[in-house]
Amino acid sequence: MKKAAALRYNKDKESAPRVIAKGKGKSADNIIKIAELHNLPIKKDEDLMELLSKVELDKEVPAALYKAVAEVFSFIYKTTNKS
């Protein structure tokens, strides 16, 4: 079953990224559709998704996931800052 999550990180207001949406099946499709409508980058990572699905909604990502989530934000940065 398809799963999706959305992360937010505001370095001026938050000490770590937060899971702001997550879902599976139709909910995952809706999260992906919203991201596409807003031209947000989408990174597929089934292993990380499995871990993020255990994080409570609107809670900070635990320190154990910082490295994996940093790779996602690096991907986003590179994707949105292409020349």
C-alpha atoms as a PDB file:
ATOM      1  CA  MET A   1       0.000   0.000   0.000  1.00  0.00           C
ATOM      2  CA  LYS A   2       1.289   3.449  -0.941  1.00  0.00           C
ATOM      3  CA  LYS A   3       2.371   5.689   1.946  1.00  0.00           C
ATOM      4  CA  ALA A   4       3.318   9.366   1.997  1.00  0.00           C
ATOM      5  CA  ALA A   5       4.404  11.986   4.491  1.00  0.00           C
ATOM      6  CA  ALA A   6       4.993  15.715   4.384  1.00  0.00           C
ATOM      7  CA  LEU A   7       7.699  17.433   6.395  1.00  0.00           C
ATOM      8  CA  ARG A   8       8.127  21.055   7.433  1.00  0.00           C
ATOM      9  CA  TYR A   9      11.199  22.726   8.856  1.00  0.00           C
ATOM     10  CA  ASN A  10      11.448  26.365   9.824  1.00  0.00           C
ATOM     11  CA  LYS A  11      14.927  26.752  11.282  1.00  0.00           C
ATOM     12  CA  ASP A  12      13.996  30.083  12.885  1.00  0.00           C
ATOM     13  CA  LYS A  13      11.048  28.630  14.815  1.00  0.00           C
ATOM     14  CA  GLU A  14      11.662  24.884  15.163  1.00  0.00           C
ATOM     15  CA  SER A  15      14.540  22.853  16.511  1.00  0.00           C
ATOM     16  CA  ALA A  16      13.837  19.943  14.135  1.00  0.00           C
ATOM     17  CA  PRO A  17      11.663  19.072  11.126  1.00  0.00           C
ATOM     18  CA  ARG A  18       8.051  18.093  11.829  1.00  0.00           C
ATOM     19  CA  VAL A  19       5.745  15.562  10.222  1.00  0.00           C
ATOM     20  CA  ILE A  20       2.831  17.751   9.123  1.00  0.00           C
ATOM     21  CA  ALA A  21       0.909  15.145   7.118  1.00  0.00           C
ATOM     22  CA  LYS A  22       1.026  11.399   6.670  1.00  0.00           C
ATOM     23  CA  GLY A  23      -1.222   8.756   5.256  1.00  0.00           C
ATOM     24  CA  LYS A  24      -1.584   5.583   3.265  1.00  0.00           C
ATOM     25  CA  GLY A  25      -3.706   4.554   0.315  1.00  0.00           C
ATOM     26  CA  LYS A  26      -6.067   7.335  -0.752  1.00  0.00           C
ATOM     27  CA  SER A  27      -4.670   9.688   1.911  1.00  0.00           C
ATOM     28  CA  ALA A  28      -1.167   9.160   0.503  1.00  0.00           C
ATOM     29  CA  ASP A  29      -2.468   9.909  -2.990  1.00  0.00           C
ATOM     30  CA  ASN A  30      -3.965  13.178  -1.693  1.00  0.00           C
ATOM     31  CA  ILE A  31      -0.709  14.211   0.011  1.00  0.00           C
ATOM     32  CA  ILE A  32       1.191  13.565  -3.221  1.00  0.00           C
ATOM     33  CA  LYS A  33      -1.420  15.402  -5.303  1.00  0.00           C
ATOM     34  CA  ILE A  34      -1.205  18.474  -3.042  1.00  0.00           C
ATOM     35  CA  ALA A  35       2.602  18.435  -3.275  1.00  0.00           C
ATOM     36  CA  GLU A  36       2.399  18.237  -7.062  1.00  0.00           C
ATOM     37  CA  LEU A  37      -0.144  21.084  -7.230  1.00  0.00           C
ATOM     38  CA  HIS A  38       2.256  23.277  -5.268  1.00  0.00           C
ATOM     39  CA  ASN A  39       5.285  22.139  -7.303  1.00  0.00           C
ATOM     40  CA  LEU A  40       6.909  20.679  -4.196  1.00  0.00           C
ATOM     41  CA  PRO A  41       9.676  18.122  -4.689  1.00  0.00           C
ATOM     42  CA  ILE A  42       8.763  14.516  -3.937  1.00  0.00           C
ATOM     43  CA  LYS A  43      11.403  12.037  -2.790  1.00  0.00           C
ATOM     44  CA  LYS A  44      10.590   8.346  -2.757  1.00  0.00           C
ATOM     45  CA  ASP A  45      12.175   6.471   0.144  1.00  0.00           C
ATOM     46  CA  GLU A  46      10.187   3.493   1.396  1.00  0.00           C
ATOM     47  CA  ASP A  47      12.481   2.804   4.352  1.00  0.00           C
ATOM     48  CA  LEU A  48      12.310   6.379   5.634  1.00  0.00           C
ATOM     49  CA  MET A  49       8.564   6.477   5.019  1.00  0.00           C
ATOM     50  CA  GLU A  50       8.151   3.425   7.231  1.00  0.00           C
ATOM     51  CA  LEU A  51      10.007   5.212  10.033  1.00  0.00           C
ATOM     52  CA  LEU A  52       8.176   8.517   9.533  1.00  0.00           C
ATOM     53  CA  SER A  53       4.830   6.732   9.689  1.00  0.00           C
ATOM     54  CA  LYS A  54       5.581   6.022  13.359  1.00  0.00           C
ATOM     55  CA  VAL A  55       6.121   9.714  14.210  1.00  0.00           C
ATOM     56  CA  GLU A  56       3.023  11.404  15.617  1.00  0.00           C
ATOM     57  CA  LEU A  57       1.424  14.075  13.465  1.00  0.00           C
ATOM     58  CA  ASP A  58       2.806  17.590  14.071  1.00  0.00           C
ATOM     59  CA  LYS A  59       5.650  16.207  16.186  1.00  0.00           C
ATOM     60  CA  GLU A  60       9.338  16.760  15.598  1.00  0.00           C
ATOM     61  CA  VAL A  61      11.275  14.038  13.855  1.00  0.00           C
ATOM     62  CA  PRO A  62      13.325  12.123  16.452  1.00  0.00           C
ATOM     63  CA  ALA A  63      17.089  12.633  16.541  1.00  0.00           C
ATOM     64  CA  ALA A  64      17.633   9.083  15.290  1.00  0.00           C
ATOM     65  CA  LEU A  65      16.130  10.144  11.928  1.00  0.00           C
ATOM     66  CA  TYR A  66      18.000  13.459  11.543  1.00  0.00           C
ATOM     67  CA  LYS A  67      20.562  12.092   9.064  1.00  0.00           C
ATOM     68  CA  ALA A  68      17.938  10.481   6.830  1.00  0.00           C
ATOM     69  CA  VAL A  69      15.723  13.569   6.938  1.00  0.00           C
ATOM     70  CA  ALA A  70      18.735  15.806   6.227  1.00  0.00           C
ATOM     71  CA  GLU A  71      19.260  13.814   3.030  1.00  0.00           C
ATOM     72  CA  VAL A  72      15.653  14.568   2.050  1.00  0.00           C
ATOM     73  CA  PHE A  73      16.136  18.290   2.642  1.00  0.00           C
ATOM     74  CA  SER A  74      19.409  18.151   0.682  1.00  0.00           C
ATOM     75  CA  PHE A  75      17.510  16.529  -2.204  1.00  0.00           C
ATOM     76  CA  ILE A  76      14.862  19.277  -1.983  1.00  0.00           C
ATOM     77  CA  TYR A  77      17.501  22.005  -1.974  1.00  0.00           C
ATOM     78  CA  LYS A  78      19.292  20.536  -4.990  1.00  0.00           C
ATOM     79  CA  THR A  79      16.006  19.992  -6.852  1.00  0.00           C
ATOM     80  CA  THR A  80      14.672  23.495  -6.273  1.00  0.00           C
ATOM     81  CA  ASN A  81      17.978  25.308  -6.852  1.00  0.00           C
ATOM     82  CA  LYS A  82      18.957  23.844 -10.216  1.00  0.00           C
ATOM     83  CA  SER A  83      20.271  26.392 -12.689  1.00  0.00           C
END
